[in-house]
Structures are given as structure tokens and as C-alpha cells.
């Protein structure tokens, strides 16, 4: 969107909202800078992250995808252009001789057909597997089949501002994470110590992180996962977030 009249109208409207609000809740710390550029609103801003859907933390007896034997790096969710599967597949190419390392892609989306074509064209059928889409309630049991969960987003300024809900769900699962995302998501994974975080679109660093994670002991990976689940329990729990919201409303 480039029309300065439309942008000017919405900019004025947003500033009016901020001026007339008692508190401004942000789901990502990265939003604070953008808000403060529109006025002196720093004292109003409160970090209030999204919570994780209970369906993603409740193990159920449901059908889950079959995964190959070996080290499993799993992605779940939307398979779209933003998720930068070009970079993911380039990383898989760098590791294609490591037949014991498998990239398992669970989900659907507009780019799924392209991803499947690229798997064939790049000769990755032995190590990259699209296993289809499964319901939300199947995710906890699906996560349990992975050794590590990964997420990627393209190098776009807007993606650097927020932590995708996928990262929060991954943390809740107790599995270690590899993220190829700039900004807030990178900072969170590194701060918590729940996995590896590399720059967006850096296929080589992503491949190195997958290989390094595969060489860790199960106990070392479990410790990373525990850090993530502990942090998620403290910060992304629905009941705790509702209590915090009540406290904020009473300030």
C-alpha cells in the first residue's frame, strides 16, 4: 500500500486510538518501537503475549503421521510462500547425504504442491517428506514423534516484529526448536535457550543447526525442550494470562 492519503488517514486514526487508550497491550515486544514512533505512549504499553490453545498441550489418542526412522526435524502448519520453504529445501540439499536426518512437513497450504515438486526435482525424496494435514488435537502426539521442531519465515521487516504462534506452541510441546526467523522470534529462542536460532534465509546456518542438533545427546535436547516448556507454562498459559488481564484492567 503506497497511497499517502490512505496511509495518512489510517495513521491519524491509529494515533487517536493510542491517545484515547488507557493501556496498549502488545503480543510482541517488537511492536513497542512502532507504537512509540507515533507518539509518547511508552507508559501505556504492556507486554501481553498470546496464549497457547489447550488443544496443543493435551495429548489425545488420535491418528498421527508416520515418520521415518532416524533424526526427525519437523515442521507443522501452513505451507505458504512466507514460510520460506525454498531456504528450508536448500538446507535439506546441503544435508542430503545424511540419510539419517529427515525433514518431515506436516500441514497444507498454497505452496505445498511447489514444495512436493521441488522435493522431486532436487532429489530429496529420501530425506524430505510431506505427510499431509492433521487436526489441531493431533498436534501434541505429532510433536512427540519429532526430535526437533523447526520454523522459518522470509527476511521481511514485518516478520521480525512478532513471535509466530507456532513458536509458542513448539515451546509448549517440550521439544527443542530451530528457527530461521529474524527479530523477536530469534531473540526469544536464544534468550530461553530452547534451541537454535539463525538468521532468516540463511540456509547454510540452518543446515548447520540441524546437523549440530542431531549430534547432541537425547538428554541435551530434552534439556532444551524443558527450558521451552517451562517458559511457556509461565508466559503462555491461558489461566495465567487471564489473571494478568484482570490485573491490568484493575490498574
Foldseek 3Di string as FASTA:
>chain_A
DPPPVVVVVVLVVVLVVLVPDQADEDQFPLCLVVVCVSHPRNVRYDYQHAFADVLLQDADPDDEFDDDAAAEAEEEDEDDVFQPVVLVVVLLLVVQVVLRAAYEYEYYYDCPVVSVVVCVVSVPVSHYYYGYYDDSNCNLVHLVVHQEYETAGAPDPVQQRHADVRLLSRLQSLFAYEYQDHHRNQVVCVVLVLAHYHHHSPSNVSSVRSVVSSPDDSVVRSVSSVSSNVVSVVRRHPVVSVVVVVVVVVD
